[in-house]
C-alpha atoms as a PDB file:
ATOM      1  CA  UNK A   1     -34.017 -57.706 -44.550  1.00  0.00           C
ATOM      2  CA  UNK A   2     -34.798 -54.733 -42.336  1.00  0.00           C
ATOM      3  CA  UNK A   3     -34.642 -56.957 -39.243  1.00  0.00           C
ATOM      4  CA  UNK A   4     -31.287 -58.456 -40.273  1.00  0.00           C
ATOM      5  CA  UNK A   5     -29.871 -55.005 -41.021  1.00  0.00           C
ATOM      6  CA  UNK A   6     -31.101 -53.695 -37.687  1.00  0.00           C
ATOM      7  CA  UNK A   7     -29.608 -56.665 -35.837  1.00  0.00           C
ATOM      8  CA  UNK A   8     -26.263 -56.242 -37.609  1.00  0.00           C
ATOM      9  CA  UNK A   9     -26.228 -52.519 -36.750  1.00  0.00           C
ATOM     10  CA  UNK A  10     -26.987 -53.253 -33.100  1.00  0.00           C
ATOM     11  CA  UNK A  11     -24.206 -55.847 -32.994  1.00  0.00           C
ATOM     12  CA  UNK A  12     -21.698 -53.405 -34.513  1.00  0.00           C
ATOM     13  CA  UNK A  13     -22.711 -50.771 -31.964  1.00  0.00           C
ATOM     14  CA  UNK A  14     -22.235 -53.212 -29.089  1.00  0.00           C
ATOM     15  CA  UNK A  15     -18.843 -54.286 -30.448  1.00  0.00           C
ATOM     16  CA  UNK A  16     -17.767 -50.646 -30.690  1.00  0.00           C
ATOM     17  CA  UNK A  17     -18.908 -49.979 -27.107  1.00  0.00           C
ATOM     18  CA  UNK A  18     -17.103 -53.140 -25.917  1.00  0.00           C
ATOM     19  CA  UNK A  19     -13.875 -51.931 -27.554  1.00  0.00           C
ATOM     20  CA  UNK A  20     -14.221 -48.454 -26.024  1.00  0.00           C
ATOM     21  CA  UNK A  21     -14.906 -49.945 -22.598  1.00  0.00           C
ATOM     22  CA  UNK A  22     -11.904 -52.283 -22.802  1.00  0.00           C
ATOM     23  CA  UNK A  23      -9.623 -49.435 -23.875  1.00  0.00           C
ATOM     24  CA  UNK A  24     -10.962 -47.155 -21.105  1.00  0.00           C
ATOM     25  CA  UNK A  25     -10.415 -49.843 -18.465  1.00  0.00           C
ATOM     26  CA  UNK A  26      -6.885 -50.559 -19.734  1.00  0.00           C
ATOM     27  CA  UNK A  27      -6.078 -46.865 -19.409  1.00  0.00           C
ATOM     28  CA  UNK A  28      -7.655 -46.649 -15.950  1.00  0.00           C
ATOM     29  CA  UNK A  29      -5.862 -49.723 -14.589  1.00  0.00           C
ATOM     30  CA  UNK A  30      -2.675 -48.793 -16.475  1.00  0.00           C
ATOM     31  CA  UNK A  31      -2.214 -52.266 -17.923  1.00  0.00           C
ATOM     32  CA  UNK A  32      -3.127 -54.108 -21.131  1.00  0.00           C
ATOM     33  CA  UNK A  33      -5.893 -56.679 -20.977  1.00  0.00           C
ATOM     34  CA  UNK A  34      -4.523 -60.141 -20.140  1.00  0.00           C
ATOM     35  CA  UNK A  35      -7.585 -62.285 -20.779  1.00  0.00           C
ATOM     36  CA  UNK A  36     -11.317 -62.079 -21.407  1.00  0.00           C
ATOM     37  CA  UNK A  37     -13.875 -64.373 -19.752  1.00  0.00           C
ATOM     38  CA  UNK A  38     -17.050 -64.334 -21.902  1.00  0.00           C
ATOM     39  CA  UNK A  39     -20.203 -65.184 -19.966  1.00  0.00           C
ATOM     40  CA  UNK A  40     -22.138 -68.275 -20.990  1.00  0.00           C
ATOM     41  CA  UNK A  41     -25.025 -67.772 -21.430  1.00  0.00           C
ATOM     42  CA  UNK A  42     -24.461 -64.080 -22.208  1.00  0.00           C
ATOM     43  CA  UNK A  43     -26.058 -61.219 -20.316  1.00  0.00           C
ATOM     44  CA  UNK A  44     -28.734 -60.450 -22.924  1.00  0.00           C
ATOM     45  CA  UNK A  45     -29.986 -64.051 -22.622  1.00  0.00           C
ATOM     46  CA  UNK A  46     -30.275 -63.826 -18.853  1.00  0.00           C
ATOM     47  CA  UNK A  47     -26.794 -65.129 -18.059  1.00  0.00           C
ATOM     48  CA  UNK A  48     -23.758 -63.561 -16.428  1.00  0.00           C
ATOM     49  CA  UNK A  49     -21.634 -60.583 -17.362  1.00  0.00           C
ATOM     50  CA  UNK A  50     -18.329 -60.718 -19.246  1.00  0.00           C
ATOM     51  CA  UNK A  51     -15.168 -60.250 -17.173  1.00  0.00           C
ATOM     52  CA  UNK A  52     -11.743 -58.927 -18.230  1.00  0.00           C
ATOM     53  CA  UNK A  53      -8.465 -59.497 -16.411  1.00  0.00           C
ATOM     54  CA  UNK A  54      -5.437 -57.227 -16.195  1.00  0.00           C
ATOM     55  CA  UNK A  55      -1.971 -57.821 -14.728  1.00  0.00           C
ATOM     56  CA  UNK A  56      -1.983 -54.868 -12.326  1.00  0.00           C
ATOM     57  CA  UNK A  57       1.233 -52.783 -12.303  1.00  0.00           C
ATOM     58  CA  UNK A  58       1.232 -52.653  -8.476  1.00  0.00           C
ATOM     59  CA  UNK A  59       1.178 -56.474  -8.369  1.00  0.00           C
ATOM     60  CA  UNK A  60      -1.529 -59.080  -8.572  1.00  0.00           C
ATOM     61  CA  UNK A  61      -4.382 -59.285 -11.047  1.00  0.00           C
ATOM     62  CA  UNK A  62      -7.421 -57.058 -11.452  1.00  0.00           C
ATOM     63  CA  UNK A  63     -10.665 -58.637 -12.686  1.00  0.00           C
ATOM     64  CA  UNK A  64     -13.306 -56.231 -14.023  1.00  0.00           C
ATOM     65  CA  UNK A  65     -16.871 -56.717 -15.232  1.00  0.00           C
ATOM     66  CA  UNK A  66     -17.429 -55.583 -18.799  1.00  0.00           C
ATOM     67  CA  UNK A  67     -21.011 -54.882 -19.741  1.00  0.00           C
ATOM     68  CA  UNK A  68     -22.886 -53.456 -16.754  1.00  0.00           C
ATOM     69  CA  UNK A  69     -22.296 -49.966 -18.181  1.00  0.00           C
ATOM     70  CA  UNK A  70     -23.629 -50.914 -21.633  1.00  0.00           C
ATOM     71  CA  UNK A  71     -26.413 -48.439 -22.549  1.00  0.00           C
ATOM     72  CA  UNK A  72     -28.268 -51.392 -24.120  1.00  0.00           C
ATOM     73  CA  UNK A  73     -28.299 -53.248 -20.788  1.00  0.00           C
ATOM     74  CA  UNK A  74     -31.584 -55.231 -20.552  1.00  0.00           C
ATOM     75  CA  UNK A  75     -34.218 -53.149 -18.801  1.00  0.00           C
ATOM     76  CA  UNK A  76     -35.300 -55.997 -16.540  1.00  0.00           C
ATOM     77  CA  UNK A  77     -31.990 -55.619 -14.724  1.00  0.00           C
ATOM     78  CA  UNK A  78     -32.154 -51.826 -14.499  1.00  0.00           C
ATOM     79  CA  UNK A  79     -29.490 -49.329 -15.590  1.00  0.00           C
ATOM     80  CA  UNK A  80     -25.960 -49.411 -14.222  1.00  0.00           C
ATOM     81  CA  UNK A  81     -23.438 -46.581 -14.038  1.00  0.00           C
ATOM     82  CA  UNK A  82     -20.502 -48.640 -12.846  1.00  0.00           C
ATOM     83  CA  UNK A  83     -18.313 -51.666 -13.434  1.00  0.00           C
ATOM     84  CA  UNK A  84     -17.046 -53.871 -10.599  1.00  0.00           C
ATOM     85  CA  UNK A  85     -13.369 -54.698 -10.019  1.00  0.00           C
ATOM     86  CA  UNK A  86     -11.739 -57.298  -7.780  1.00  0.00           C
ATOM     87  CA  UNK A  87      -8.003 -57.553  -7.035  1.00  0.00           C
ATOM     88  CA  UNK A  88      -6.362 -60.958  -6.439  1.00  0.00           C
ATOM     89  CA  UNK A  89      -2.774 -61.921  -5.752  1.00  0.00           C
ATOM     90  CA  UNK A  90      -2.635 -64.685  -8.380  1.00  0.00           C
ATOM     91  CA  UNK A  91      -4.467 -65.449 -11.639  1.00  0.00           C
ATOM     92  CA  UNK A  92      -7.463 -67.673 -10.897  1.00  0.00           C
ATOM     93  CA  UNK A  93     -10.879 -68.841 -12.084  1.00  0.00           C
ATOM     94  CA  UNK A  94     -12.989 -68.052  -8.990  1.00  0.00           C
ATOM     95  CA  UNK A  95     -12.756 -64.242  -9.306  1.00  0.00           C
ATOM     96  CA  UNK A  96     -14.261 -64.019 -12.824  1.00  0.00           C
ATOM     97  CA  UNK A  97     -16.926 -66.559 -11.850  1.00  0.00           C
ATOM     98  CA  UNK A  98     -17.859 -64.499  -8.780  1.00  0.00           C
ATOM     99  CA  UNK A  99     -18.027 -61.187 -10.682  1.00  0.00           C
ATOM    100  CA  UNK A 100     -19.931 -62.767 -13.574  1.00  0.00           C
ATOM    101  CA  UNK A 101     -22.527 -64.042 -11.093  1.00  0.00           C
ATOM    102  CA  UNK A 102     -23.012 -60.976  -8.883  1.00  0.00           C
ATOM    103  CA  UNK A 103     -22.754 -58.435 -11.709  1.00  0.00           C
ATOM    104  CA  UNK A 104     -26.280 -58.787 -13.163  1.00  0.00           C
ATOM    105  CA  UNK A 105     -27.942 -58.879  -9.732  1.00  0.00           C
ATOM    106  CA  UNK A 106     -26.053 -55.756  -8.628  1.00  0.00           C
ATOM    107  CA  UNK A 107     -26.855 -53.670 -11.700  1.00  0.00           C
ATOM    108  CA  UNK A 108     -30.346 -52.733 -10.576  1.00  0.00           C
ATOM    109  CA  UNK A 109     -29.098 -51.700  -7.121  1.00  0.00           C
ATOM    110  CA  UNK A 110     -27.841 -48.273  -6.110  1.00  0.00           C
ATOM    111  CA  UNK A 111     -24.446 -48.866  -4.532  1.00  0.00           C
ATOM    112  CA  UNK A 112     -22.420 -46.284  -2.668  1.00  0.00           C
ATOM    113  CA  UNK A 113     -18.793 -46.537  -1.697  1.00  0.00           C
ATOM    114  CA  UNK A 114     -18.449 -48.456   1.597  1.00  0.00           C
ATOM    115  CA  UNK A 115     -21.726 -50.322   1.148  1.00  0.00           C
ATOM    116  CA  UNK A 116     -21.539 -54.104   1.684  1.00  0.00           C
ATOM    117  CA  UNK A 117     -22.953 -57.076  -0.213  1.00  0.00           C
ATOM    118  CA  UNK A 118     -23.398 -60.338   1.765  1.00  0.00           C
ATOM    119  CA  UNK A 119     -22.406 -63.540  -0.039  1.00  0.00           C
ATOM    120  CA  UNK A 120     -23.305 -67.186   0.465  1.00  0.00           C
ATOM    121  CA  UNK A 121     -20.013 -68.785  -0.560  1.00  0.00           C
ATOM    122  CA  UNK A 122     -20.024 -72.323   0.850  1.00  0.00           C
ATOM    123  CA  UNK A 123     -16.726 -73.139  -0.862  1.00  0.00           C
ATOM    124  CA  UNK A 124     -14.754 -70.302   0.738  1.00  0.00           C
ATOM    125  CA  UNK A 125     -14.490 -68.138   3.837  1.00  0.00           C
ATOM    126  CA  UNK A 126     -15.930 -65.088   2.099  1.00  0.00           C
ATOM    127  CA  UNK A 127     -18.838 -63.558   3.965  1.00  0.00           C
ATOM    128  CA  UNK A 128     -19.340 -60.565   1.685  1.00  0.00           C
ATOM    129  CA  UNK A 129     -17.872 -57.748  -0.348  1.00  0.00           C
ATOM    130  CA  UNK A 130     -17.180 -54.116   0.527  1.00  0.00           C
ATOM    131  CA  UNK A 131     -17.345 -51.520  -2.259  1.00  0.00           C
ATOM    132  CA  UNK A 132     -14.443 -49.075  -2.184  1.00  0.00           C
ATOM    133  CA  UNK A 133     -13.076 -46.453  -4.609  1.00  0.00           C
ATOM    134  CA  UNK A 134     -10.614 -47.737  -7.176  1.00  0.00           C
ATOM    135  CA  UNK A 135      -7.294 -45.982  -6.727  1.00  0.00           C
ATOM    136  CA  UNK A 136      -5.759 -43.809  -8.026  1.00  0.00           C
ATOM    137  CA  UNK A 137      -8.854 -42.933 -10.103  1.00  0.00           C
ATOM    138  CA  UNK A 138     -12.344 -44.315  -9.748  1.00  0.00           C
ATOM    139  CA  UNK A 139     -14.008 -43.424 -13.039  1.00  0.00           C
ATOM    140  CA  UNK A 140     -13.628 -43.888 -16.787  1.00  0.00           C
ATOM    141  CA  UNK A 141     -15.180 -42.445 -19.940  1.00  0.00           C
ATOM    142  CA  UNK A 142     -16.977 -44.747 -22.402  1.00  0.00           C
ATOM    143  CA  UNK A 143     -18.365 -42.863 -25.379  1.00  0.00           C
ATOM    144  CA  UNK A 144     -19.817 -39.688 -23.894  1.00  0.00           C
ATOM    145  CA  UNK A 145     -20.728 -41.239 -20.533  1.00  0.00           C
ATOM    146  CA  UNK A 146     -18.759 -41.292 -17.276  1.00  0.00           C
ATOM    147  CA  UNK A 147     -18.776 -44.541 -15.290  1.00  0.00           C
ATOM    148  CA  UNK A 148     -17.501 -45.498 -11.860  1.00  0.00           C
ATOM    149  CA  UNK A 149     -15.126 -48.382 -11.297  1.00  0.00           C
ATOM    150  CA  UNK A 150     -16.055 -49.783  -7.892  1.00  0.00           C
ATOM    151  CA  UNK A 151     -13.490 -51.991  -6.157  1.00  0.00           C
ATOM    152  CA  UNK A 152     -14.908 -55.081  -4.455  1.00  0.00           C
ATOM    153  CA  UNK A 153     -12.917 -56.276  -1.439  1.00  0.00           C
ATOM    154  CA  UNK A 154     -13.746 -59.714  -0.057  1.00  0.00           C
ATOM    155  CA  UNK A 155     -14.278 -59.956   3.704  1.00  0.00           C
ATOM    156  CA  UNK A 156     -15.019 -62.778   6.133  1.00  0.00           C
ATOM    157  CA  UNK A 157     -18.389 -63.193   7.935  1.00  0.00           C
ATOM    158  CA  UNK A 158     -16.970 -61.639  11.132  1.00  0.00           C
ATOM    159  CA  UNK A 159     -15.564 -58.699   9.162  1.00  0.00           C
ATOM    160  CA  UNK A 160     -18.972 -58.248   7.522  1.00  0.00           C
ATOM    161  CA  UNK A 161     -20.553 -58.097  10.991  1.00  0.00           C
ATOM    162  CA  UNK A 162     -17.900 -55.575  12.062  1.00  0.00           C
ATOM    163  CA  UNK A 163     -18.837 -53.375   9.081  1.00  0.00           C
ATOM    164  CA  UNK A 164     -22.336 -53.068  10.534  1.00  0.00           C
ATOM    165  CA  UNK A 165     -20.948 -52.139  13.958  1.00  0.00           C
ATOM    166  CA  UNK A 166     -17.831 -50.081  13.277  1.00  0.00           C
ATOM    167  CA  UNK A 167     -18.426 -49.030   9.665  1.00  0.00           C
ATOM    168  CA  UNK A 168     -16.829 -50.328   6.474  1.00  0.00           C
ATOM    169  CA  UNK A 169     -14.058 -47.648   6.353  1.00  0.00           C
ATOM    170  CA  UNK A 170     -12.838 -48.769   9.799  1.00  0.00           C
ATOM    171  CA  UNK A 171     -12.817 -52.423   8.731  1.00  0.00           C
ATOM    172  CA  UNK A 172     -10.990 -51.636   5.484  1.00  0.00           C
ATOM    173  CA  UNK A 173      -8.380 -49.702   7.472  1.00  0.00           C
ATOM    174  CA  UNK A 174      -7.915 -52.730   9.753  1.00  0.00           C
ATOM    175  CA  UNK A 175      -7.416 -55.181   6.888  1.00  0.00           C
ATOM    176  CA  UNK A 176      -5.059 -52.714   5.190  1.00  0.00           C
ATOM    177  CA  UNK A 177      -2.917 -52.575   8.352  1.00  0.00           C
ATOM    178  CA  UNK A 178      -2.891 -56.384   8.269  1.00  0.00           C
ATOM    179  CA  UNK A 179      -1.520 -56.351   4.708  1.00  0.00           C
ATOM    180  CA  UNK A 180      -4.728 -57.691   3.142  1.00  0.00           C
ATOM    181  CA  UNK A 181      -6.244 -54.679   1.345  1.00  0.00           C
ATOM    182  CA  UNK A 182      -6.841 -54.329  -1.605  1.00  0.00           C
ATOM    183  CA  UNK A 183      -6.564 -58.068  -2.287  1.00  0.00           C
ATOM    184  CA  UNK A 184      -9.369 -60.581  -1.991  1.00  0.00           C
ATOM    185  CA  UNK A 185      -8.361 -64.036  -0.764  1.00  0.00           C
ATOM    186  CA  UNK A 186     -11.329 -66.419  -0.432  1.00  0.00           C
ATOM    187  CA  UNK A 187      -9.522 -68.629   2.103  1.00  0.00           C
ATOM    188  CA  UNK A 188      -7.833 -66.185   4.476  1.00  0.00           C
ATOM    189  CA  UNK A 189      -8.704 -66.018   8.201  1.00  0.00           C
ATOM    190  CA  UNK A 190     -10.395 -63.048   9.840  1.00  0.00           C
ATOM    191  CA  UNK A 191      -8.083 -60.148  10.722  1.00  0.00           C
ATOM    192  CA  UNK A 192      -7.439 -60.483  14.516  1.00  0.00           C
ATOM    193  CA  UNK A 193      -8.325 -56.871  15.418  1.00  0.00           C
ATOM    194  CA  UNK A 194     -11.893 -57.404  14.131  1.00  0.00           C
ATOM    195  CA  UNK A 195     -12.750 -59.151  17.409  1.00  0.00           C
ATOM    196  CA  UNK A 196     -12.383 -55.849  19.269  1.00  0.00           C
ATOM    197  CA  UNK A 197     -14.741 -54.134  16.848  1.00  0.00           C
ATOM    198  CA  UNK A 198     -17.364 -56.873  17.307  1.00  0.00           C
ATOM    199  CA  UNK A 199     -17.382 -56.172  21.053  1.00  0.00           C
ATOM    200  CA  UNK A 200     -17.553 -52.380  20.661  1.00  0.00           C
ATOM    201  CA  UNK A 201     -20.641 -50.288  19.867  1.00  0.00           C
ATOM    202  CA  UNK A 202     -20.758 -48.170  16.671  1.00  0.00           C
ATOM    203  CA  UNK A 203     -18.660 -45.024  16.944  1.00  0.00           C
ATOM    204  CA  UNK A 204     -16.907 -46.236  20.108  1.00  0.00           C
ATOM    205  CA  UNK A 205     -13.470 -45.028  18.982  1.00  0.00           C
ATOM    206  CA  UNK A 206     -14.864 -41.633  17.966  1.00  0.00           C
ATOM    207  CA  UNK A 207     -16.771 -40.699  21.104  1.00  0.00           C
ATOM    208  CA  UNK A 208     -13.662 -39.428  22.866  1.00  0.00           C
ATOM    209  CA  UNK A 209     -13.495 -36.643  20.260  1.00  0.00           C
ATOM    210  CA  UNK A 210     -17.007 -35.370  21.040  1.00  0.00           C
ATOM    211  CA  UNK A 211     -18.124 -32.751  23.536  1.00  0.00           C
ATOM    212  CA  UNK A 212     -20.316 -33.838  26.443  1.00  0.00           C
ATOM    213  CA  UNK A 213     -23.436 -32.776  24.496  1.00  0.00           C
ATOM    214  CA  UNK A 214     -22.129 -34.560  21.414  1.00  0.00           C
ATOM    215  CA  UNK A 215     -21.657 -37.803  23.361  1.00  0.00           C
ATOM    216  CA  UNK A 216     -25.139 -37.555  24.863  1.00  0.00           C
ATOM    217  CA  UNK A 217     -26.624 -36.902  21.438  1.00  0.00           C
ATOM    218  CA  UNK A 218     -24.764 -39.782  19.832  1.00  0.00           C
ATOM    219  CA  UNK A 219     -25.814 -42.176  22.607  1.00  0.00           C
ATOM    220  CA  UNK A 220     -29.407 -41.061  21.999  1.00  0.00           C
ATOM    221  CA  UNK A 221     -28.946 -41.839  18.295  1.00  0.00           C
ATOM    222  CA  UNK A 222     -27.657 -45.344  19.095  1.00  0.00           C
ATOM    223  CA  UNK A 223     -30.594 -46.071  21.388  1.00  0.00           C
ATOM    224  CA  UNK A 224     -33.241 -44.540  19.115  1.00  0.00           C
ATOM    225  CA  UNK A 225     -34.238 -41.902  21.704  1.00  0.00           C
ATOM    226  CA  UNK A 226     -35.581 -39.145  19.463  1.00  0.00           C
ATOM    227  CA  UNK A 227     -36.600 -36.866  22.349  1.00  0.00           C
ATOM    228  CA  UNK A 228     -33.074 -36.999  23.807  1.00  0.00           C
ATOM    229  CA  UNK A 229     -31.683 -36.208  20.360  1.00  0.00           C
ATOM    230  CA  UNK A 230     -33.764 -33.038  20.260  1.00  0.00           C
ATOM    231  CA  UNK A 231     -32.497 -32.018  23.695  1.00  0.00           C
ATOM    232  CA  UNK A 232     -28.855 -32.628  22.704  1.00  0.00           C
ATOM    233  CA  UNK A 233     -29.196 -30.521  19.531  1.00  0.00           C
ATOM    234  CA  UNK A 234     -29.084 -27.281  21.515  1.00  0.00           C
ATOM    235  CA  UNK A 235     -25.720 -28.091  23.093  1.00  0.00           C
ATOM    236  CA  UNK A 236     -24.024 -29.585  20.036  1.00  0.00           C
ATOM    237  CA  UNK A 237     -20.676 -27.948  19.243  1.00  0.00           C
ATOM    238  CA  UNK A 238     -19.462 -27.107  15.741  1.00  0.00           C
ATOM    239  CA  UNK A 239     -16.402 -29.291  16.421  1.00  0.00           C
ATOM    240  CA  UNK A 240     -18.725 -32.281  16.995  1.00  0.00           C
ATOM    241  CA  UNK A 241     -20.091 -32.194  13.443  1.00  0.00           C
ATOM    242  CA  UNK A 242     -17.112 -33.616  11.469  1.00  0.00           C
ATOM    243  CA  UNK A 243     -16.798 -36.409  14.047  1.00  0.00           C
ATOM    244  CA  UNK A 244     -20.500 -37.251  13.764  1.00  0.00           C
ATOM    245  CA  UNK A 245     -20.181 -37.167   9.970  1.00  0.00           C
ATOM    246  CA  UNK A 246     -17.654 -40.013  10.211  1.00  0.00           C
ATOM    247  CA  UNK A 247     -19.855 -41.818  12.740  1.00  0.00           C
ATOM    248  CA  UNK A 248     -22.731 -41.740  10.231  1.00  0.00           C
ATOM    249  CA  UNK A 249     -20.819 -44.267   8.109  1.00  0.00           C
ATOM    250  CA  UNK A 250     -20.689 -46.662  11.072  1.00  0.00           C
ATOM    251  CA  UNK A 251     -24.412 -46.692  11.807  1.00  0.00           C
ATOM    252  CA  UNK A 252     -26.082 -49.949  10.702  1.00  0.00           C
ATOM    253  CA  UNK A 253     -29.729 -48.867  10.352  1.00  0.00           C
ATOM    254  CA  UNK A 254     -31.822 -46.160   8.706  1.00  0.00           C
ATOM    255  CA  UNK A 255     -33.549 -45.145  11.983  1.00  0.00           C
ATOM    256  CA  UNK A 256     -30.133 -44.390  13.522  1.00  0.00           C
ATOM    257  CA  UNK A 257     -28.898 -42.566  10.414  1.00  0.00           C
ATOM    258  CA  UNK A 258     -32.084 -40.513  10.345  1.00  0.00           C
ATOM    259  CA  UNK A 259     -31.639 -39.523  13.998  1.00  0.00           C
ATOM    260  CA  UNK A 260     -28.034 -38.478  13.373  1.00  0.00           C
ATOM    261  CA  UNK A 261     -29.248 -36.159  10.611  1.00  0.00           C
ATOM    262  CA  UNK A 262     -31.743 -34.726  13.120  1.00  0.00           C
ATOM    263  CA  UNK A 263     -28.960 -34.254  15.667  1.00  0.00           C
ATOM    264  CA  UNK A 264     -26.818 -32.286  13.201  1.00  0.00           C
ATOM    265  CA  UNK A 265     -29.573 -30.472  11.285  1.00  0.00           C
ATOM    266  CA  UNK A 266     -28.620 -27.004  12.571  1.00  0.00           C
ATOM    267  CA  UNK A 267     -25.109 -27.343  11.108  1.00  0.00           C
ATOM    268  CA  UNK A 268     -24.735 -27.166   7.324  1.00  0.00           C
ATOM    269  CA  UNK A 269     -21.102 -28.247   7.445  1.00  0.00           C
ATOM    270  CA  UNK A 270     -19.390 -29.618   4.309  1.00  0.00           C
ATOM    271  CA  UNK A 271     -18.326 -32.772   6.180  1.00  0.00           C
ATOM    272  CA  UNK A 272     -21.987 -33.867   6.208  1.00  0.00           C
ATOM    273  CA  UNK A 273     -22.314 -33.827   2.426  1.00  0.00           C
ATOM    274  CA  UNK A 274     -21.734 -37.588   2.094  1.00  0.00           C
ATOM    275  CA  UNK A 275     -24.390 -38.264   4.771  1.00  0.00           C
ATOM    276  CA  UNK A 276     -26.960 -36.018   3.062  1.00  0.00           C
ATOM    277  CA  UNK A 277     -26.394 -37.689  -0.296  1.00  0.00           C
ATOM    278  CA  UNK A 278     -26.374 -41.174   1.179  1.00  0.00           C
ATOM    279  CA  UNK A 279     -29.730 -40.410   2.815  1.00  0.00           C
ATOM    280  CA  UNK A 280     -31.268 -40.022  -0.654  1.00  0.00           C
ATOM    281  CA  UNK A 281     -31.109 -43.826  -1.019  1.00  0.00           C
ATOM    282  CA  UNK A 282     -33.217 -44.568   2.074  1.00  0.00           C
ATOM    283  CA  UNK A 283     -36.522 -46.458   1.606  1.00  0.00           C
ATOM    284  CA  UNK A 284     -39.413 -44.232   0.548  1.00  0.00           C
ATOM    285  CA  UNK A 285     -40.922 -42.680   3.688  1.00  0.00           C
ATOM    286  CA  UNK A 286     -44.456 -41.890   4.787  1.00  0.00           C
ATOM    287  CA  UNK A 287     -45.529 -38.299   5.375  1.00  0.00           C
ATOM    288  CA  UNK A 288     -44.496 -36.805   8.722  1.00  0.00           C
ATOM    289  CA  UNK A 289     -42.265 -39.764   9.557  1.00  0.00           C
ATOM    290  CA  UNK A 290     -38.712 -39.518  10.864  1.00  0.00           C
ATOM    291  CA  UNK A 291     -37.421 -40.678   7.476  1.00  0.00           C
ATOM    292  CA  UNK A 292     -39.412 -37.946   5.716  1.00  0.00           C
ATOM    293  CA  UNK A 293     -37.970 -35.384   8.099  1.00  0.00           C
ATOM    294  CA  UNK A 294     -34.450 -36.788   7.551  1.00  0.00           C
ATOM    295  CA  UNK A 295     -34.875 -36.447   3.777  1.00  0.00           C
ATOM    296  CA  UNK A 296     -36.015 -32.846   4.254  1.00  0.00           C
ATOM    297  CA  UNK A 297     -32.881 -32.186   6.325  1.00  0.00           C
ATOM    298  CA  UNK A 298     -30.676 -33.833   3.691  1.00  0.00           C
ATOM    299  CA  UNK A 299     -32.213 -31.804   0.850  1.00  0.00           C
ATOM    300  CA  UNK A 300     -31.870 -28.560   2.807  1.00  0.00           C
ATOM    301  CA  UNK A 301     -28.226 -29.440   3.459  1.00  0.00           C
ATOM    302  CA  UNK A 302     -27.489 -30.273  -0.173  1.00  0.00           C
ATOM    303  CA  UNK A 303     -29.133 -27.035  -1.287  1.00  0.00           C
ATOM    304  CA  UNK A 304     -27.494 -25.085   1.580  1.00  0.00           C
ATOM    305  CA  UNK A 305     -30.858 -23.516   2.376  1.00  0.00           C
ATOM    306  CA  UNK A 306     -32.047 -23.985   5.950  1.00  0.00           C
ATOM    307  CA  UNK A 307     -35.424 -22.500   5.059  1.00  0.00           C
ATOM    308  CA  UNK A 308     -36.010 -25.331   2.579  1.00  0.00           C
ATOM    309  CA  UNK A 309     -36.412 -27.819   5.427  1.00  0.00           C
ATOM    310  CA  UNK A 310     -39.939 -26.697   6.338  1.00  0.00           C
ATOM    311  CA  UNK A 311     -41.025 -26.585   2.713  1.00  0.00           C
ATOM    312  CA  UNK A 312     -39.928 -30.187   2.101  1.00  0.00           C
ATOM    313  CA  UNK A 313     -41.260 -31.374   5.455  1.00  0.00           C
ATOM    314  CA  UNK A 314     -44.741 -30.084   4.594  1.00  0.00           C
ATOM    315  CA  UNK A 315     -44.817 -31.570   1.090  1.00  0.00           C
ATOM    316  CA  UNK A 316     -43.879 -35.251   0.742  1.00  0.00           C
ATOM    317  CA  UNK A 317     -44.569 -35.447  -3.046  1.00  0.00           C
ATOM    318  CA  UNK A 318     -42.252 -32.468  -3.577  1.00  0.00           C
ATOM    319  CA  UNK A 319     -39.624 -34.126  -1.383  1.00  0.00           C
ATOM    320  CA  UNK A 320     -39.765 -37.405  -3.321  1.00  0.00           C
ATOM    321  CA  UNK A 321     -39.692 -35.602  -6.668  1.00  0.00           C
ATOM    322  CA  UNK A 322     -36.566 -33.686  -5.643  1.00  0.00           C
ATOM    323  CA  UNK A 323     -34.899 -36.877  -4.394  1.00  0.00           C
ATOM    324  CA  UNK A 324     -35.661 -38.595  -7.710  1.00  0.00           C
ATOM    325  CA  UNK A 325     -34.234 -35.659  -9.653  1.00  0.00           C
ATOM    326  CA  UNK A 326     -31.005 -35.695  -7.627  1.00  0.00           C
ATOM    327  CA  UNK A 327     -30.659 -39.462  -8.071  1.00  0.00           C
ATOM    328  CA  UNK A 328     -31.065 -39.077 -11.833  1.00  0.00           C
ATOM    329  CA  UNK A 329     -28.459 -36.299 -11.923  1.00  0.00           C
ATOM    330  CA  UNK A 330     -26.019 -38.440  -9.940  1.00  0.00           C
ATOM    331  CA  UNK A 331     -26.573 -41.403 -12.290  1.00  0.00           C
ATOM    332  CA  UNK A 332     -25.826 -39.260 -15.340  1.00  0.00           C
END
C-alpha cells in the first residue's frame, strides 16, 4: 500500500509540474499549446523527451521539449536547467522527432548560448544546431525554479564549419540577413556568404579594429605562440579589449581561448565577462598548465580582484573548487 501511495503521489507531482511547465512555456511563447508529442518509450524508461508545439504569433511553429527541466529527471542523464526550442515555418513531424531524440543526450551537457551540436542527419541537409537565446525572453519560471529556453537553429555542414572559424554569432547574422533565421529548414541550401567565412581565418573581419599590438597579439593567439602573446600584452590598448572579447566567441579551440585570456588578463573590462564565464566550462586542467592559468585569470576577472590571480594559480584544488561553486550557482 505504501508503495502504491508513494507512486501515486509521485505521479501527481509530475503531472502538476508538467502543467506548470506547459503554462510557463505558453506564456513565454505568447501562444496556446497546439499539440503535444508524448515520447514513446517515455524519458523515465530510457526513451525520448516529450515535445509541445505552439503556433508562434510571429509566424511559423515553435516546438519545445517538455521534461528536461523536471526536478525528477533521471540521474543517469544528469540535471538540466533548460528546455530546447526549434522554430519551423510549417507544422511537421521531423522537428518533434529531432528534439525528442537529442533532448536526453543534451541534458547532461553544459550548453552556452552560441555553442554548436553536430548532427548526423542522413535524411536532410542539417549538419548541426546552434544554440541561441529565445527572443524576446529566454527564461521561464516553473515552480520556484528559473529555466532557460534555448533556441536551436539548424545549420548546414558548411555553416557548422564556419561557426568554428568565424564564430556562431557571425554565422547566425549571415543566415538572418538571408532571411533564414530563426527558422530551421532541413532541406535548405547553404547561405552563399558562408563560403567567404570558410576561406577566412577566425576574427578576420575584426582585426581592422585592433591596434598594431592588438593585431600582433591576436595573430599570436591564432598560431598558439604563447611567448609572443606575453610580448603583445604590454602594448595592448584598452580599445582592443571589447574587440578581442567578440573574437573570443570565434575561436574554435581551448588552447586559443586560453591564450586570448592571457592576452587580455591586465584588463578587467566588462566586455570580457562572457569569456571569463565561458572559460569555466573548459576541461579540467593540470597544475601550472595554460588552462589552469586561464581559469585563474577568469576567476580573478569574475571577482574583479587582480590579486586573486596568483592565489588561484598557486592552488589548483582551490581553483577547481571555486569553478565548481560558480557552476552550481549558475545552474540554480
